[in-house]
Every structure is written in structure tokens, then in C-alpha cells.
PDB file of N, CA and C in Angstrom:
ATOM      1  N   MET A   1     261.950 136.712 102.248  1.00  0.00           N
ATOM      2  CA  MET A   1     261.602 135.359 102.589  1.00  0.00           C
ATOM      3  C   MET A   1     261.137 134.589 101.350  1.00  0.00           C
ATOM      4  N   TRP A   2     260.679 135.312 100.330  1.00  0.00           N
ATOM      5  CA  TRP A   2     260.172 134.703  99.114  1.00  0.00           C
ATOM      6  C   TRP A   2     260.784 135.357  97.887  1.00  0.00           C
ATOM      7  N   ARG A   3     260.768 134.624  96.797  1.00  0.00           N
ATOM      8  CA  ARG A   3     261.112 135.184  95.490  1.00  0.00           C
ATOM      9  C   ARG A   3     260.214 134.508  94.464  1.00  0.00           C
ATOM     10  N   VAL A   4     260.079 135.141  93.341  1.00  0.00           N
ATOM     11  CA  VAL A   4     259.336 134.547  92.239  1.00  0.00           C
ATOM     12  C   VAL A   4     260.364 133.896  91.314  1.00  0.00           C
ATOM     13  N   ASN A   5     260.238 132.598  91.111  1.00  0.00           N
ATOM     14  CA  ASN A   5     261.212 131.881  90.287  1.00  0.00           C
ATOM     15  C   ASN A   5     260.920 132.072  88.802  1.00  0.00           C
ATOM     16  N   HIS A   6     261.723 131.464  87.961  1.00  0.00           N
ATOM     17  CA  HIS A   6     261.598 131.631  86.511  1.00  0.00           C
ATOM     18  C   HIS A   6     260.291 131.068  85.949  1.00  0.00           C
ATOM     19  N   GLN A   7     259.583 130.273  86.734  1.00  0.00           N
ATOM     20  CA  GLN A   7     258.290 129.730  86.308  1.00  0.00           C
ATOM     21  C   GLN A   7     257.122 130.553  86.859  1.00  0.00           C
ATOM     22  N   GLY A   8     257.452 131.656  87.553  1.00  0.00           N
ATOM     23  CA  GLY A   8     256.429 132.521  88.116  1.00  0.00           C
ATOM     24  C   GLY A   8     255.842 132.021  89.427  1.00  0.00           C
ATOM     25  N   GLN A   9     256.520 131.065  90.056  1.00  0.00           N
ATOM     26  CA  GLN A   9     256.046 130.496  91.320  1.00  0.00           C
ATOM     27  C   GLN A   9     256.697 131.208  92.504  1.00  0.00           C
ATOM     28  N   LYS A  10     255.964 131.274  93.602  1.00  0.00           N
ATOM     29  CA  LYS A  10     256.469 131.868  94.841  1.00  0.00           C
ATOM     30  C   LYS A  10     257.336 130.819  95.552  1.00  0.00           C
ATOM     31  N   GLU A  11     258.645 131.084  95.612  1.00  0.00           N
ATOM     32  CA  GLU A  11     259.627 130.125  96.119  1.00  0.00           C
ATOM     33  C   GLU A  11     260.199 130.618  97.451  1.00  0.00           C
ATOM     34  N   PHE A  12     260.279 129.724  98.432  1.00  0.00           N
ATOM     35  CA  PHE A  12     260.791 130.051  99.759  1.00  0.00           C
ATOM     36  C   PHE A  12     262.310 130.168  99.719  1.00  0.00           C
ATOM     37  N   LEU A  13     262.841 131.293 100.189  1.00  0.00           N
ATOM     38  CA  LEU A  13     264.286 131.521 100.158  1.00  0.00           C
ATOM     39  C   LEU A  13     265.055 130.746 101.218  1.00  0.00           C
ATOM     40  N   GLY A  14     264.378 130.275 102.243  1.00  0.00           N
ATOM     41  CA  GLY A  14     265.044 129.578 103.339  1.00  0.00           C
ATOM     42  C   GLY A  14     265.450 128.157 103.026  1.00  0.00           C
ATOM     43  N   GLY A  15     265.041 127.655 101.891  1.00  0.00           N
ATOM     44  CA  GLY A  15     265.392 126.290 101.530  1.00  0.00           C
ATOM     45  C   GLY A  15     264.657 125.267 102.372  1.00  0.00           C
ATOM     46  N   ASN A  16     265.266 124.105 102.498  1.00  0.00           N
ATOM     47  CA  ASN A  16     264.644 122.995 103.227  1.00  0.00           C
ATOM     48  C   ASN A  16     264.997 122.947 104.710  1.00  0.00           C
ATOM     49  N   ASN A  17     265.835 123.893 105.180  1.00  0.00           N
ATOM     50  CA  ASN A  17     266.326 123.801 106.557  1.00  0.00           C
ATOM     51  C   ASN A  17     266.135 125.061 107.388  1.00  0.00           C
ATOM     52  N   ASP A  18     265.195 125.912 107.032  1.00  0.00           N
ATOM     53  CA  ASP A  18     264.945 127.136 107.798  1.00  0.00           C
ATOM     54  C   ASP A  18     263.619 127.005 108.544  1.00  0.00           C
ATOM     55  N   CYS A  19     263.624 126.197 109.594  1.00  0.00           N
ATOM     56  CA  CYS A  19     262.396 125.920 110.346  1.00  0.00           C
ATOM     57  C   CYS A  19     261.796 127.188 110.946  1.00  0.00           C
ATOM     58  N   GLN A  20     262.631 128.048 111.483  1.00  0.00           N
ATOM     59  CA  GLN A  20     262.138 129.281 112.091  1.00  0.00           C
ATOM     60  C   GLN A  20     261.498 130.192 111.032  1.00  0.00           C
ATOM     61  N   GLY A  21     262.144 130.355 109.902  1.00  0.00           N
ATOM     62  CA  GLY A  21     261.612 131.179 108.824  1.00  0.00           C
ATOM     63  C   GLY A  21     260.311 130.629 108.267  1.00  0.00           C
ATOM     64  N   ALA A  22     260.239 129.316 108.114  1.00  0.00           N
ATOM     65  CA  ALA A  22     259.025 128.685 107.598  1.00  0.00           C
ATOM     66  C   ALA A  22     257.867 128.833 108.580  1.00  0.00           C
ATOM     67  N   ALA A  23     258.162 128.781 109.867  1.00  0.00           N
ATOM     68  CA  ALA A  23     257.123 128.974 110.880  1.00  0.00           C
ATOM     69  C   ALA A  23     256.640 130.423 110.891  1.00  0.00           C
ATOM     70  N   GLN A  24     257.557 131.371 110.781  1.00  0.00           N
ATOM     71  CA  GLN A  24     257.175 132.781 110.748  1.00  0.00           C
ATOM     72  C   GLN A  24     256.338 133.089 109.515  1.00  0.00           C
ATOM     73  N   ALA A  25     256.719 132.549 108.390  1.00  0.00           N
ATOM     74  CA  ALA A  25     255.969 132.783 107.151  1.00  0.00           C
ATOM     75  C   ALA A  25     254.555 132.213 107.266  1.00  0.00           C
ATOM     76  N   ALA A  26     254.420 131.044 107.848  1.00  0.00           N
ATOM     77  CA  ALA A  26     253.104 130.420 107.996  1.00  0.00           C
ATOM     78  C   ALA A  26     252.220 131.202 108.962  1.00  0.00           C
ATOM     79  N   GLU A  27     252.819 131.733 110.030  1.00  0.00           N
ATOM     80  CA  GLU A  27     252.055 132.536 110.992  1.00  0.00           C
ATOM     81  C   GLU A  27     251.448 133.762 110.320  1.00  0.00           C
ATOM     82  N   ALA A  28     252.145 134.320 109.347  1.00  0.00           N
ATOM     83  CA  ALA A  28     251.682 135.529 108.661  1.00  0.00           C
ATOM     84  C   ALA A  28     250.788 135.214 107.454  1.00  0.00           C
ATOM     85  N   CYS A  29     250.614 133.954 107.135  1.00  0.00           N
ATOM     86  CA  CYS A  29     249.895 133.552 105.921  1.00  0.00           C
ATOM     87  C   CYS A  29     248.409 133.298 106.210  1.00  0.00           C
ATOM     88  N   LEU A  30     247.559 133.923 105.430  1.00  0.00           N
ATOM     89  CA  LEU A  30     246.118 133.724 105.571  1.00  0.00           C
ATOM     90  C   LEU A  30     245.649 132.410 104.956  1.00  0.00           C
ATOM     91  N   ASN A  31     246.496 131.778 104.144  1.00  0.00           N
ATOM     92  CA  ASN A  31     246.120 130.546 103.445  1.00  0.00           C
ATOM     93  C   ASN A  31     246.673 129.280 104.076  1.00  0.00           C
ATOM     94  N   PHE A  32     247.403 129.395 105.198  1.00  0.00           N
ATOM     95  CA  PHE A  32     247.993 128.196 105.799  1.00  0.00           C
ATOM     96  C   PHE A  32     246.901 127.187 106.130  1.00  0.00           C
ATOM     97  N   THR A  33     247.108 125.971 105.663  1.00  0.00           N
ATOM     98  CA  THR A  33     246.215 124.852 105.961  1.00  0.00           C
ATOM     99  C   THR A  33     247.106 123.650 106.237  1.00  0.00           C
ATOM    100  N   PRO A  34     246.974 123.037 107.410  1.00  0.00           N
ATOM    101  CA  PRO A  34     247.834 121.900 107.714  1.00  0.00           C
ATOM    102  C   PRO A  34     247.642 120.745 106.733  1.00  0.00           C
ATOM    103  N   ASP A  35     248.738 120.132 106.357  1.00  0.00           N
ATOM    104  CA  ASP A  35     248.705 118.956 105.497  1.00  0.00           C
ATOM    105  C   ASP A  35     248.339 117.740 106.352  1.00  0.00           C
ATOM    106  N   ASP A  36     248.124 116.603 105.715  1.00  0.00           N
ATOM    107  CA  ASP A  36     247.891 115.363 106.453  1.00  0.00           C
ATOM    108  C   ASP A  36     249.059 115.122 107.398  1.00  0.00           C
ATOM    109  N   GLU A  37     248.789 114.520 108.535  1.00  0.00           N
ATOM    110  CA  GLU A  37     249.840 114.300 109.537  1.00  0.00           C
ATOM    111  C   GLU A  37     251.042 113.559 108.985  1.00  0.00           C
ATOM    112  N   ASP A  38     250.827 112.587 108.144  1.00  0.00           N
ATOM    113  CA  ASP A  38     251.943 111.798 107.615  1.00  0.00           C
ATOM    114  C   ASP A  38     252.784 112.572 106.608  1.00  0.00           C
ATOM    115  N   GLU A  39     252.316 113.752 106.180  1.00  0.00           N
ATOM    116  CA  GLU A  39     253.068 114.612 105.258  1.00  0.00           C
ATOM    117  C   GLU A  39     253.776 115.761 105.970  1.00  0.00           C
ATOM    118  N   GLN A  40     253.559 115.898 107.274  1.00  0.00           N
ATOM    119  CA  GLN A  40     254.169 116.991 108.028  1.00  0.00           C
ATOM    120  C   GLN A  40     255.586 116.619 108.438  1.00  0.00           C
ATOM    121  N   VAL A  41     256.501 117.584 108.306  1.00  0.00           N
ATOM    122  CA  VAL A  41     257.906 117.308 108.591  1.00  0.00           C
ATOM    123  C   VAL A  41     258.502 118.193 109.679  1.00  0.00           C
ATOM    124  N   ALA A  42     257.877 119.319 109.969  1.00  0.00           N
ATOM    125  CA  ALA A  42     258.416 120.247 110.967  1.00  0.00           C
ATOM    126  C   ALA A  42     257.831 119.957 112.348  1.00  0.00           C
ATOM    127  N   ASN A  43     258.590 120.280 113.374  1.00  0.00           N
ATOM    128  CA  ASN A  43     258.106 120.112 114.741  1.00  0.00           C
ATOM    129  C   ASN A  43     257.014 121.121 115.082  1.00  0.00           C
ATOM    130  N   GLU A  44     257.092 122.317 114.485  1.00  0.00           N
ATOM    131  CA  GLU A  44     256.090 123.339 114.724  1.00  0.00           C
ATOM    132  C   GLU A  44     254.815 122.966 113.984  1.00  0.00           C
ATOM    133  N   GLN A  45     253.675 123.093 114.649  1.00  0.00           N
ATOM    134  CA  GLN A  45     252.402 122.800 114.001  1.00  0.00           C
ATOM    135  C   GLN A  45     252.172 123.715 112.808  1.00  0.00           C
ATOM    136  N   VAL A  46     252.327 125.028 113.049  1.00  0.00           N
ATOM    137  CA  VAL A  46     252.099 126.020 112.003  1.00  0.00           C
ATOM    138  C   VAL A  46     253.442 126.345 111.362  1.00  0.00           C
ATOM    139  N   SER A  47     253.666 125.788 110.189  1.00  0.00           N
ATOM    140  CA  SER A  47     254.906 125.965 109.448  1.00  0.00           C
ATOM    141  C   SER A  47     254.614 125.731 107.967  1.00  0.00           C
ATOM    142  N   CYS A  48     255.235 126.505 107.124  1.00  0.00           N
ATOM    143  CA  CYS A  48     255.073 126.266 105.685  1.00  0.00           C
ATOM    144  C   CYS A  48     255.501 124.844 105.330  1.00  0.00           C
ATOM    145  N   TYR A  49     256.437 124.294 106.070  1.00  0.00           N
ATOM    146  CA  TYR A  49     256.884 122.930 105.803  1.00  0.00           C
ATOM    147  C   TYR A  49     255.767 121.914 106.029  1.00  0.00           C
ATOM    148  N   ASN A  50     254.752 122.292 106.806  1.00  0.00           N
ATOM    149  CA  ASN A  50     253.639 121.402 107.100  1.00  0.00           C
ATOM    150  C   ASN A  50     252.359 121.809 106.378  1.00  0.00           C
ATOM    151  N   CYS A  51     252.452 122.702 105.444  1.00  0.00           N
ATOM    152  CA  CYS A  51     251.261 123.241 104.779  1.00  0.00           C
ATOM    153  C   CYS A  51     250.835 122.381 103.590  1.00  0.00           C
ATOM    154  N   ARG A  52     249.553 122.259 103.445  1.00  0.00           N
ATOM    155  CA  ARG A  52     248.967 121.505 102.334  1.00  0.00           C
ATOM    156  C   ARG A  52     249.327 122.101 100.976  1.00  0.00           C
ATOM    157  N   TYR A  53     249.613 123.413 100.937  1.00  0.00           N
ATOM    158  CA  TYR A  53     249.826 124.107  99.668  1.00  0.00           C
ATOM    159  C   TYR A  53     251.296 124.250  99.275  1.00  0.00           C
ATOM    160  N   ARG A  54     252.208 123.605  99.968  1.00  0.00           N
ATOM    161  CA  ARG A  54     253.619 123.667  99.579  1.00  0.00           C
ATOM    162  C   ARG A  54     253.939 122.455  98.710  1.00  0.00           C
ATOM    163  N   ARG A  55     254.804 122.700  97.748  1.00  0.00           N
ATOM    164  CA  ARG A  55     255.261 121.616  96.873  1.00  0.00           C
ATOM    165  C   ARG A  55     256.777 121.598  96.914  1.00  0.00           C
ATOM    166  N   TRP A  56     257.322 120.483  97.353  1.00  0.00           N
ATOM    167  CA  TRP A  56     258.766 120.353  97.517  1.00  0.00           C
ATOM    168  C   TRP A  56     259.475 120.319  96.179  1.00  0.00           C
ATOM    169  N   GLY A  57     260.629 120.969  96.181  1.00  0.00           N
ATOM    170  CA  GLY A  57     261.541 120.887  95.061  1.00  0.00           C
ATOM    171  C   GLY A  57     262.858 120.329  95.576  1.00  0.00           C
ATOM    172  N   LYS A  58     263.876 120.418  94.770  1.00  0.00           N
ATOM    173  CA  LYS A  58     265.176 119.850  95.138  1.00  0.00           C
ATOM    174  C   LYS A  58     265.792 120.574  96.339  1.00  0.00           C
ATOM    175  N   GLU A  59     265.726 121.901  96.354  1.00  0.00           N
ATOM    176  CA  GLU A  59     266.394 122.671  97.406  1.00  0.00           C
ATOM    177  C   GLU A  59     265.442 123.454  98.292  1.00  0.00           C
ATOM    178  N   THR A  60     264.197 123.597  97.893  1.00  0.00           N
ATOM    179  CA  THR A  60     263.224 124.367  98.662  1.00  0.00           C
ATOM    180  C   THR A  60     261.826 123.952  98.230  1.00  0.00           C
ATOM    181  N   PHE A  61     260.838 124.756  98.545  1.00  0.00           N
ATOM    182  CA  PHE A  61     259.480 124.469  98.127  1.00  0.00           C
ATOM    183  C   PHE A  61     258.867 125.704  97.508  1.00  0.00           C
ATOM    184  N   VAL A  62     257.793 125.513  96.789  1.00  0.00           N
ATOM    185  CA  VAL A  62     257.019 126.626  96.250  1.00  0.00           C
ATOM    186  C   VAL A  62     255.653 126.622  96.934  1.00  0.00           C
ATOM    187  N   CYS A  63     255.094 127.800  97.066  1.00  0.00           N
ATOM    188  CA  CYS A  63     253.768 127.976  97.638  1.00  0.00           C
ATOM    189  C   CYS A  63     252.763 127.988  96.499  1.00  0.00           C
ATOM    190  N   CYS A  64     251.764 127.156  96.580  1.00  0.00           N
ATOM    191  CA  CYS A  64     250.764 127.056  95.519  1.00  0.00           C
ATOM    192  C   CYS A  64     249.514 127.875  95.802  1.00  0.00           C
ATOM    193  N   LYS A  65     249.571 128.748  96.761  1.00  0.00           N
ATOM    194  CA  LYS A  65     248.430 129.622  97.059  1.00  0.00           C
ATOM    195  C   LYS A  65     248.727 131.038  96.747  1.00  0.00           C
TER     196      LYS A  65
END
């Protein structure tokens, strides 16, 4: 579900369109913290796509925790 990119960051392998994978990853994450409502993009409340610690890139996001 994750890989370490060339910058040493934890990068989500599901890209920008794996809602189920992002929700599963967030459920298993001890650091999940919901972002502001206006920054949330997934329908699921608990999703890496809605996490305060994700930073979007061109094709996916990195986890900053």
C-alpha cells in the first residue's frame, strides 16, 4: 500500500483514485487526524485522502507522519 520514494517520503501506491485502499490505510493508522472539512475529498470520514497529514502530489500523496 506504501512505498518510500526517492526523497525518503512514504508514498501511497493507490494514487488519487483508490478510495477503498485509502480508507483501509487510515483505519490502520494511529496518526490519522481529520483535515478541515473544506480540505476533505473522500466520502468516507476516515480516509488518508481526508487526513491532515497527507500532502498531494501530481499522481498520489505522501504521508507526513
